[in-house]
Amino acid sequence: MSRVSLRPATPEDAEALARVAHISFHQAFAGIMSPVSLAQRPRAFFAERFTQQWPEVVVALTDERIVGFSLVRQGHIDMLFVDPAAQARGIGKTLLAEAEANGATTLECFRNNRQARDFYEKHGWRLTSSLRRGFCGEDYDFVIYAKTA
């Protein structure tokens, strides 16, 4: 197993981040979101987002390749994705620990995303509330998690 290293994102990382976000998003949410909703998040959407938000992103690398990232805004984990081909190697755990060490205390995920929920619960995050809201043109159920010291 290759060693995982973390570093702050740079503007040059936008395309690699978009690749990881797009493949991870579409694989993780294929059974949760409708195809119409999924189509609202093409790779270009993520590339544009990372062109703007790269200062809030931490990238995970193995063999000098971006294989995951976290985007934390004001103590809230907005995104934490690991390339599906690189999962189950401790990358998500490493990104989560770094986010926590830098003040992340809340996150939101789909209620039906059992894999993510199990991951966060395994690492001490606790369910605090649930809500239904619009996302990508449709209404979905979400859960809010918190982590305290």
N, C-alpha and C. Protein backbone atom coordinates (compact mmCIF):
# COMPACT_ATOMS: atom_id res chain seq x y z
N MET A 1 0.84 -1.17 0.00
CA MET A 1 0.00 0.00 0.00
C MET A 1 0.89 1.24 0.00
N SER A 2 0.57 2.17 -0.87
CA SER A 2 1.31 3.43 -0.94
C SER A 2 0.94 4.32 0.23
N ARG A 3 1.90 5.11 0.64
CA ARG A 3 1.70 6.06 1.72
C ARG A 3 0.80 7.20 1.26
N VAL A 4 -0.05 7.66 2.15
CA VAL A 4 -0.95 8.78 1.86
C VAL A 4 -0.31 10.04 2.42
N SER A 5 -0.28 11.09 1.61
CA SER A 5 0.17 12.38 2.10
C SER A 5 -0.93 13.40 1.82
N LEU A 6 -0.96 14.42 2.63
CA LEU A 6 -1.95 15.50 2.48
C LEU A 6 -1.22 16.80 2.23
N ARG A 7 -1.89 17.68 1.49
CA ARG A 7 -1.38 19.02 1.29
C ARG A 7 -2.54 19.93 0.90
N PRO A 8 -2.37 21.24 1.08
CA PRO A 8 -3.40 22.16 0.62
C PRO A 8 -3.50 22.10 -0.90
N ALA A 9 -4.70 22.28 -1.42
CA ALA A 9 -4.90 22.31 -2.86
C ALA A 9 -4.28 23.56 -3.46
N THR A 10 -3.99 23.49 -4.74
CA THR A 10 -3.50 24.63 -5.50
C THR A 10 -4.45 24.84 -6.67
N PRO A 11 -4.39 26.00 -7.32
CA PRO A 11 -5.27 26.22 -8.48
C PRO A 11 -5.06 25.17 -9.58
N GLU A 12 -3.86 24.64 -9.69
CA GLU A 12 -3.58 23.64 -10.71
C GLU A 12 -4.24 22.30 -10.44
N ASP A 13 -4.78 22.10 -9.23
CA ASP A 13 -5.42 20.84 -8.87
C ASP A 13 -6.88 20.74 -9.32
N ALA A 14 -7.46 21.82 -9.85
CA ALA A 14 -8.90 21.85 -10.13
C ALA A 14 -9.36 20.68 -11.00
N GLU A 15 -8.64 20.37 -12.05
CA GLU A 15 -9.07 19.27 -12.94
C GLU A 15 -8.99 17.91 -12.25
N ALA A 16 -7.92 17.66 -11.51
CA ALA A 16 -7.79 16.39 -10.80
C ALA A 16 -8.87 16.26 -9.72
N LEU A 17 -9.15 17.36 -9.03
CA LEU A 17 -10.22 17.35 -8.03
C LEU A 17 -11.56 17.08 -8.69
N ALA A 18 -11.80 17.70 -9.84
CA ALA A 18 -13.06 17.48 -10.56
C ALA A 18 -13.21 16.03 -10.97
N ARG A 19 -12.10 15.41 -11.39
CA ARG A 19 -12.15 13.99 -11.77
C ARG A 19 -12.56 13.13 -10.58
N VAL A 20 -11.91 13.33 -9.44
CA VAL A 20 -12.23 12.54 -8.25
C VAL A 20 -13.66 12.82 -7.79
N ALA A 21 -14.05 14.08 -7.75
CA ALA A 21 -15.40 14.43 -7.30
C ALA A 21 -16.46 13.82 -8.21
N HIS A 22 -16.27 13.94 -9.50
CA HIS A 22 -17.26 13.45 -10.45
C HIS A 22 -17.45 11.94 -10.34
N ILE A 23 -16.36 11.19 -10.38
CA ILE A 23 -16.48 9.73 -10.33
C ILE A 23 -17.01 9.28 -8.97
N SER A 24 -16.56 9.91 -7.90
CA SER A 24 -17.00 9.53 -6.55
C SER A 24 -18.48 9.87 -6.35
N PHE A 25 -18.86 11.08 -6.73
CA PHE A 25 -20.24 11.54 -6.58
C PHE A 25 -21.19 10.61 -7.33
N HIS A 26 -20.87 10.33 -8.59
CA HIS A 26 -21.78 9.52 -9.40
C HIS A 26 -21.83 8.07 -8.94
N GLN A 27 -20.74 7.55 -8.45
CA GLN A 27 -20.77 6.17 -7.95
C GLN A 27 -21.49 6.10 -6.61
N ALA A 28 -21.17 7.00 -5.69
CA ALA A 28 -21.75 6.95 -4.35
C ALA A 28 -23.26 7.21 -4.35
N PHE A 29 -23.71 8.07 -5.24
CA PHE A 29 -25.11 8.50 -5.19
C PHE A 29 -26.00 7.90 -6.27
N ALA A 30 -25.46 6.99 -7.08
CA ALA A 30 -26.24 6.38 -8.15
C ALA A 30 -27.49 5.67 -7.64
N GLY A 31 -27.42 5.07 -6.48
CA GLY A 31 -28.57 4.37 -5.93
C GLY A 31 -29.45 5.25 -5.05
N ILE A 32 -29.07 6.51 -4.89
CA ILE A 32 -29.79 7.43 -4.02
C ILE A 32 -30.52 8.50 -4.82
N MET A 33 -29.82 9.08 -5.78
CA MET A 33 -30.37 10.17 -6.58
C MET A 33 -30.91 9.62 -7.91
N SER A 34 -31.84 10.33 -8.48
CA SER A 34 -32.36 9.96 -9.79
C SER A 34 -31.32 10.29 -10.86
N PRO A 35 -31.39 9.64 -12.01
CA PRO A 35 -30.47 9.99 -13.10
C PRO A 35 -30.59 11.47 -13.51
N VAL A 36 -31.77 12.02 -13.43
CA VAL A 36 -31.96 13.43 -13.77
C VAL A 36 -31.19 14.32 -12.78
N SER A 37 -31.28 14.00 -11.50
CA SER A 37 -30.54 14.76 -10.49
C SER A 37 -29.04 14.59 -10.65
N LEU A 38 -28.60 13.37 -10.87
CA LEU A 38 -27.16 13.11 -11.06
C LEU A 38 -26.61 13.91 -12.24
N ALA A 39 -27.41 14.04 -13.27
CA ALA A 39 -26.96 14.77 -14.46
C ALA A 39 -26.72 16.25 -14.18
N GLN A 40 -27.21 16.75 -13.05
CA GLN A 40 -26.99 18.14 -12.66
C GLN A 40 -25.55 18.39 -12.20
N ARG A 41 -24.77 17.31 -12.04
CA ARG A 41 -23.40 17.44 -11.57
C ARG A 41 -22.42 16.80 -12.55
N PRO A 42 -22.27 17.39 -13.74
CA PRO A 42 -21.26 16.88 -14.68
C PRO A 42 -19.86 17.26 -14.19
N ARG A 43 -18.88 16.70 -14.80
CA ARG A 43 -17.49 16.98 -14.41
C ARG A 43 -17.19 18.48 -14.48
N ALA A 44 -17.73 19.16 -15.48
CA ALA A 44 -17.49 20.61 -15.64
C ALA A 44 -18.02 21.39 -14.43
N PHE A 45 -19.10 20.93 -13.81
CA PHE A 45 -19.61 21.59 -12.60
C PHE A 45 -18.54 21.58 -11.52
N PHE A 46 -17.94 20.42 -11.31
CA PHE A 46 -16.92 20.31 -10.26
C PHE A 46 -15.67 21.10 -10.62
N ALA A 47 -15.28 21.07 -11.88
CA ALA A 47 -14.09 21.83 -12.30
C ALA A 47 -14.28 23.31 -12.01
N GLU A 48 -15.45 23.84 -12.31
CA GLU A 48 -15.73 25.25 -12.03
C GLU A 48 -15.72 25.51 -10.52
N ARG A 49 -16.32 24.63 -9.77
CA ARG A 49 -16.36 24.80 -8.31
C ARG A 49 -14.95 24.84 -7.73
N PHE A 50 -14.09 23.93 -8.17
CA PHE A 50 -12.74 23.89 -7.61
C PHE A 50 -11.87 25.03 -8.12
N THR A 51 -12.20 25.58 -9.24
CA THR A 51 -11.49 26.76 -9.71
C THR A 51 -11.68 27.91 -8.72
N GLN A 52 -12.84 27.93 -8.08
CA GLN A 52 -13.16 28.97 -7.10
C GLN A 52 -12.79 28.58 -5.67
N GLN A 53 -13.02 27.34 -5.29
CA GLN A 53 -12.93 26.95 -3.88
C GLN A 53 -11.66 26.20 -3.50
N TRP A 54 -10.67 26.15 -4.37
CA TRP A 54 -9.46 25.39 -4.05
C TRP A 54 -8.82 25.81 -2.73
N PRO A 55 -8.91 27.09 -2.28
CA PRO A 55 -8.24 27.41 -1.01
C PRO A 55 -8.82 26.68 0.21
N GLU A 56 -10.02 26.14 0.07
CA GLU A 56 -10.67 25.44 1.19
C GLU A 56 -10.49 23.93 1.12
N VAL A 57 -9.70 23.46 0.17
CA VAL A 57 -9.58 22.03 -0.10
C VAL A 57 -8.22 21.51 0.36
N VAL A 58 -8.25 20.32 0.93
CA VAL A 58 -7.04 19.56 1.26
C VAL A 58 -7.06 18.32 0.37
N VAL A 59 -5.96 18.04 -0.31
CA VAL A 59 -5.89 16.89 -1.19
C VAL A 59 -5.11 15.76 -0.53
N ALA A 60 -5.53 14.55 -0.86
CA ALA A 60 -4.82 13.34 -0.44
C ALA A 60 -4.15 12.76 -1.68
N LEU A 61 -2.87 12.42 -1.52
CA LEU A 61 -2.09 11.88 -2.64
C LEU A 61 -1.49 10.54 -2.28
N THR A 62 -1.44 9.67 -3.27
CA THR A 62 -0.63 8.47 -3.19
C THR A 62 0.16 8.43 -4.49
N ASP A 63 1.42 8.15 -4.39
CA ASP A 63 2.30 8.14 -5.57
C ASP A 63 2.15 9.42 -6.39
N GLU A 64 2.07 10.56 -5.70
CA GLU A 64 1.98 11.89 -6.33
C GLU A 64 0.68 12.12 -7.11
N ARG A 65 -0.31 11.27 -6.93
CA ARG A 65 -1.58 11.37 -7.64
C ARG A 65 -2.68 11.72 -6.64
N ILE A 66 -3.54 12.68 -7.00
CA ILE A 66 -4.67 13.03 -6.14
C ILE A 66 -5.69 11.90 -6.18
N VAL A 67 -5.95 11.35 -4.98
CA VAL A 67 -6.88 10.23 -4.87
C VAL A 67 -8.05 10.54 -3.96
N GLY A 68 -8.05 11.72 -3.37
CA GLY A 68 -9.15 12.11 -2.50
C GLY A 68 -8.97 13.54 -2.06
N PHE A 69 -10.00 14.07 -1.41
CA PHE A 69 -9.94 15.44 -0.92
C PHE A 69 -11.04 15.69 0.09
N SER A 70 -10.85 16.76 0.85
CA SER A 70 -11.92 17.26 1.71
C SER A 70 -12.05 18.76 1.44
N LEU A 71 -13.26 19.23 1.54
CA LEU A 71 -13.55 20.65 1.43
C LEU A 71 -14.30 21.03 2.69
N VAL A 72 -13.67 21.84 3.52
CA VAL A 72 -14.25 22.24 4.81
C VAL A 72 -14.45 23.75 4.79
N ARG A 73 -15.66 24.15 5.15
CA ARG A 73 -16.01 25.57 5.19
C ARG A 73 -16.62 25.89 6.55
N GLN A 74 -15.99 26.80 7.27
CA GLN A 74 -16.49 27.28 8.56
C GLN A 74 -16.85 26.12 9.49
N GLY A 75 -15.95 25.16 9.62
CA GLY A 75 -16.15 24.04 10.53
C GLY A 75 -17.10 22.97 10.04
N HIS A 76 -17.56 23.06 8.80
CA HIS A 76 -18.50 22.10 8.23
C HIS A 76 -17.83 21.37 7.07
N ILE A 77 -17.86 20.04 7.12
CA ILE A 77 -17.32 19.25 6.01
C ILE A 77 -18.34 19.28 4.88
N ASP A 78 -18.01 20.03 3.84
CA ASP A 78 -18.90 20.18 2.69
C ASP A 78 -18.76 18.99 1.74
N MET A 79 -17.54 18.52 1.57
CA MET A 79 -17.28 17.35 0.72
C MET A 79 -16.08 16.59 1.28
N LEU A 80 -16.17 15.29 1.23
CA LEU A 80 -15.04 14.41 1.52
C LEU A 80 -15.21 13.22 0.59
N PHE A 81 -14.37 13.17 -0.43
CA PHE A 81 -14.48 12.11 -1.43
C PHE A 81 -13.13 11.43 -1.62
N VAL A 82 -13.20 10.12 -1.86
CA VAL A 82 -12.03 9.33 -2.21
C VAL A 82 -12.36 8.61 -3.51
N ASP A 83 -11.43 8.64 -4.44
CA ASP A 83 -11.60 7.94 -5.71
C ASP A 83 -12.00 6.50 -5.40
N PRO A 84 -13.08 5.99 -6.00
CA PRO A 84 -13.50 4.61 -5.71
C PRO A 84 -12.38 3.58 -5.90
N ALA A 85 -11.47 3.82 -6.85
CA ALA A 85 -10.37 2.87 -7.07
C ALA A 85 -9.35 2.89 -5.94
N ALA A 86 -9.41 3.89 -5.07
CA ALA A 86 -8.44 4.02 -3.98
C ALA A 86 -9.09 3.86 -2.61
N GLN A 87 -10.33 3.45 -2.56
CA GLN A 87 -11.01 3.32 -1.27
C GLN A 87 -10.52 2.11 -0.49
N ALA A 88 -10.83 2.12 0.81
CA ALA A 88 -10.46 1.05 1.74
C ALA A 88 -8.95 0.97 1.95
N ARG A 89 -8.28 2.12 1.88
CA ARG A 89 -6.83 2.19 2.11
C ARG A 89 -6.48 3.21 3.19
N GLY A 90 -7.47 3.71 3.91
CA GLY A 90 -7.21 4.66 4.98
C GLY A 90 -7.19 6.12 4.53
N ILE A 91 -7.47 6.38 3.27
CA ILE A 91 -7.42 7.75 2.75
C ILE A 91 -8.54 8.59 3.35
N GLY A 92 -9.75 8.07 3.37
CA GLY A 92 -10.87 8.80 3.97
C GLY A 92 -10.64 9.07 5.45
N LYS A 93 -10.14 8.08 6.15
CA LYS A 93 -9.83 8.23 7.58
C LYS A 93 -8.79 9.33 7.80
N THR A 94 -7.78 9.37 6.95
CA THR A 94 -6.73 10.38 7.05
C THR A 94 -7.30 11.77 6.78
N LEU A 95 -8.12 11.89 5.74
CA LEU A 95 -8.75 13.19 5.43
C LEU A 95 -9.68 13.63 6.55
N LEU A 96 -10.45 12.69 7.09
CA LEU A 96 -11.38 13.03 8.17
C LEU A 96 -10.63 13.50 9.42
N ALA A 97 -9.58 12.81 9.77
CA ALA A 97 -8.78 13.20 10.94
C ALA A 97 -8.19 14.59 10.76
N GLU A 98 -7.72 14.89 9.56
CA GLU A 98 -7.17 16.22 9.28
C GLU A 98 -8.25 17.29 9.38
N ALA A 99 -9.43 17.00 8.85
CA ALA A 99 -10.54 17.96 8.92
C ALA A 99 -10.92 18.23 10.37
N GLU A 100 -10.98 17.18 11.16
CA GLU A 100 -11.30 17.33 12.59
C GLU A 100 -10.23 18.14 13.30
N ALA A 101 -8.97 17.85 13.02
CA ALA A 101 -7.87 18.57 13.65
C ALA A 101 -7.88 20.06 13.31
N ASN A 102 -8.50 20.39 12.18
CA ASN A 102 -8.60 21.78 11.76
C ASN A 102 -9.97 22.39 12.04
N GLY A 103 -10.72 21.78 12.97
CA GLY A 103 -11.93 22.40 13.46
C GLY A 103 -13.25 21.95 12.88
N ALA A 104 -13.27 20.94 12.02
CA ALA A 104 -14.55 20.46 11.47
C ALA A 104 -15.37 19.82 12.59
N THR A 105 -16.61 20.25 12.73
CA THR A 105 -17.48 19.71 13.78
C THR A 105 -18.85 19.28 13.27
N THR A 106 -19.19 19.60 12.00
CA THR A 106 -20.49 19.19 11.46
C THR A 106 -20.32 18.70 10.02
N LEU A 107 -21.30 17.91 9.59
CA LEU A 107 -21.38 17.46 8.21
C LEU A 107 -22.81 17.02 7.94
N GLU A 108 -23.12 16.94 6.66
CA GLU A 108 -24.45 16.52 6.21
C GLU A 108 -24.26 15.45 5.15
N CYS A 109 -25.10 14.42 5.18
CA CYS A 109 -25.05 13.44 4.10
C CYS A 109 -26.45 12.91 3.84
N PHE A 110 -26.60 12.22 2.70
CA PHE A 110 -27.89 11.63 2.37
C PHE A 110 -28.26 10.61 3.44
N ARG A 111 -29.52 10.63 3.83
CA ARG A 111 -30.00 9.65 4.81
C ARG A 111 -29.74 8.23 4.31
N ASN A 112 -29.90 8.00 3.02
CA ASN A 112 -29.75 6.66 2.47
C ASN A 112 -28.32 6.29 2.10
N ASN A 113 -27.36 7.13 2.43
CA ASN A 113 -25.96 6.82 2.13
C ASN A 113 -25.36 6.05 3.30
N ARG A 114 -25.73 4.79 3.38
CA ARG A 114 -25.34 3.97 4.53
C ARG A 114 -23.82 3.82 4.63
N GLN A 115 -23.13 3.73 3.51
CA GLN A 115 -21.67 3.58 3.56
C GLN A 115 -21.02 4.79 4.24
N ALA A 116 -21.43 5.99 3.86
CA ALA A 116 -20.88 7.20 4.48
C ALA A 116 -21.28 7.28 5.94
N ARG A 117 -22.53 7.00 6.23
CA ARG A 117 -22.99 7.09 7.61
C ARG A 117 -22.24 6.12 8.51
N ASP A 118 -22.03 4.90 8.04
CA ASP A 118 -21.27 3.92 8.82
C ASP A 118 -19.84 4.41 9.05
N PHE A 119 -19.24 4.99 8.02
CA PHE A 119 -17.88 5.52 8.13
C PHE A 119 -17.81 6.61 9.20
N TYR A 120 -18.70 7.59 9.14
CA TYR A 120 -18.65 8.69 10.11
C TYR A 120 -18.97 8.20 11.52
N GLU A 121 -19.95 7.32 11.65
CA GLU A 121 -20.29 6.79 12.97
C GLU A 121 -19.13 5.99 13.56
N LYS A 122 -18.45 5.24 12.73
CA LYS A 122 -17.27 4.47 13.18
C LYS A 122 -16.20 5.39 13.75
N HIS A 123 -16.14 6.62 13.24
CA HIS A 123 -15.12 7.57 13.67
C HIS A 123 -15.65 8.59 14.67
N GLY A 124 -16.73 8.23 15.36
CA GLY A 124 -17.20 9.03 16.49
C GLY A 124 -18.16 10.16 16.19
N TRP A 125 -18.63 10.27 14.97
CA TRP A 125 -19.61 11.30 14.64
C TRP A 125 -20.99 10.81 15.07
N ARG A 126 -21.80 11.74 15.56
CA ARG A 126 -23.12 11.39 16.08
C ARG A 126 -24.22 12.12 15.32
N LEU A 127 -25.27 11.38 14.99
CA LEU A 127 -26.43 11.93 14.32
C LEU A 127 -27.11 12.95 15.22
N THR A 128 -27.36 14.14 14.70
CA THR A 128 -28.00 15.18 15.51
C THR A 128 -29.37 15.58 14.99
N SER A 129 -29.61 15.47 13.69
CA SER A 129 -30.92 15.84 13.15
C SER A 129 -31.06 15.33 11.72
N SER A 130 -32.26 15.49 11.20
CA SER A 130 -32.51 15.12 9.81
C SER A 130 -33.38 16.19 9.17
N LEU A 131 -33.36 16.23 7.86
CA LEU A 131 -34.17 17.20 7.14
C LEU A 131 -34.41 16.71 5.73
N ARG A 132 -35.40 17.30 5.10
CA ARG A 132 -35.70 17.04 3.69
C ARG A 132 -35.53 18.38 2.99
N ARG A 133 -34.75 18.38 1.90
CA ARG A 133 -34.52 19.64 1.19
C ARG A 133 -34.24 19.36 -0.27
N GLY A 134 -34.33 20.42 -1.05
CA GLY A 134 -34.04 20.32 -2.46
C GLY A 134 -32.55 20.21 -2.70
N PHE A 135 -32.20 19.37 -3.67
CA PHE A 135 -30.81 19.19 -4.08
C PHE A 135 -30.82 18.69 -5.52
N CYS A 136 -30.14 19.39 -6.38
CA CYS A 136 -30.07 19.02 -7.80
C CYS A 136 -31.46 18.85 -8.42
N GLY A 137 -32.37 19.72 -8.03
CA GLY A 137 -33.68 19.75 -8.65
C GLY A 137 -34.74 18.83 -8.09
N GLU A 138 -34.42 18.08 -7.05
CA GLU A 138 -35.40 17.19 -6.42
C GLU A 138 -35.24 17.27 -4.92
N ASP A 139 -36.24 16.74 -4.20
CA ASP A 139 -36.18 16.71 -2.74
C ASP A 139 -35.59 15.38 -2.27
N TYR A 140 -34.67 15.48 -1.31
CA TYR A 140 -34.02 14.30 -0.74
C TYR A 140 -33.95 14.44 0.77
N ASP A 141 -33.83 13.28 1.45
CA ASP A 141 -33.68 13.25 2.89
C ASP A 141 -32.19 13.25 3.24
N PHE A 142 -31.84 14.11 4.19
CA PHE A 142 -30.46 14.24 4.65
C PHE A 142 -30.40 14.07 6.16
N VAL A 143 -29.21 13.77 6.66
CA VAL A 143 -28.96 13.70 8.10
C VAL A 143 -27.78 14.60 8.41
N ILE A 144 -27.79 15.17 9.61
CA ILE A 144 -26.72 16.05 10.07
C ILE A 144 -25.97 15.31 11.18
N TYR A 145 -24.65 15.34 11.08
CA TYR A 145 -23.79 14.74 12.09
C TYR A 145 -22.94 15.83 12.74
N ALA A 146 -22.56 15.56 13.98
CA ALA A 146 -21.67 16.46 14.71
C ALA A 146 -20.61 15.64 15.42
N LYS A 147 -19.49 16.30 15.65
CA LYS A 147 -18.42 15.67 16.41
C LYS A 147 -17.90 16.69 17.39
N THR A 148 -17.87 16.32 18.63
CA THR A 148 -17.34 17.20 19.66
C THR A 148 -16.09 16.55 20.26
N ALA A 149 -15.26 17.37 20.84
CA ALA A 149 -14.01 16.88 21.41
C ALA A 149 -14.26 15.98 22.60
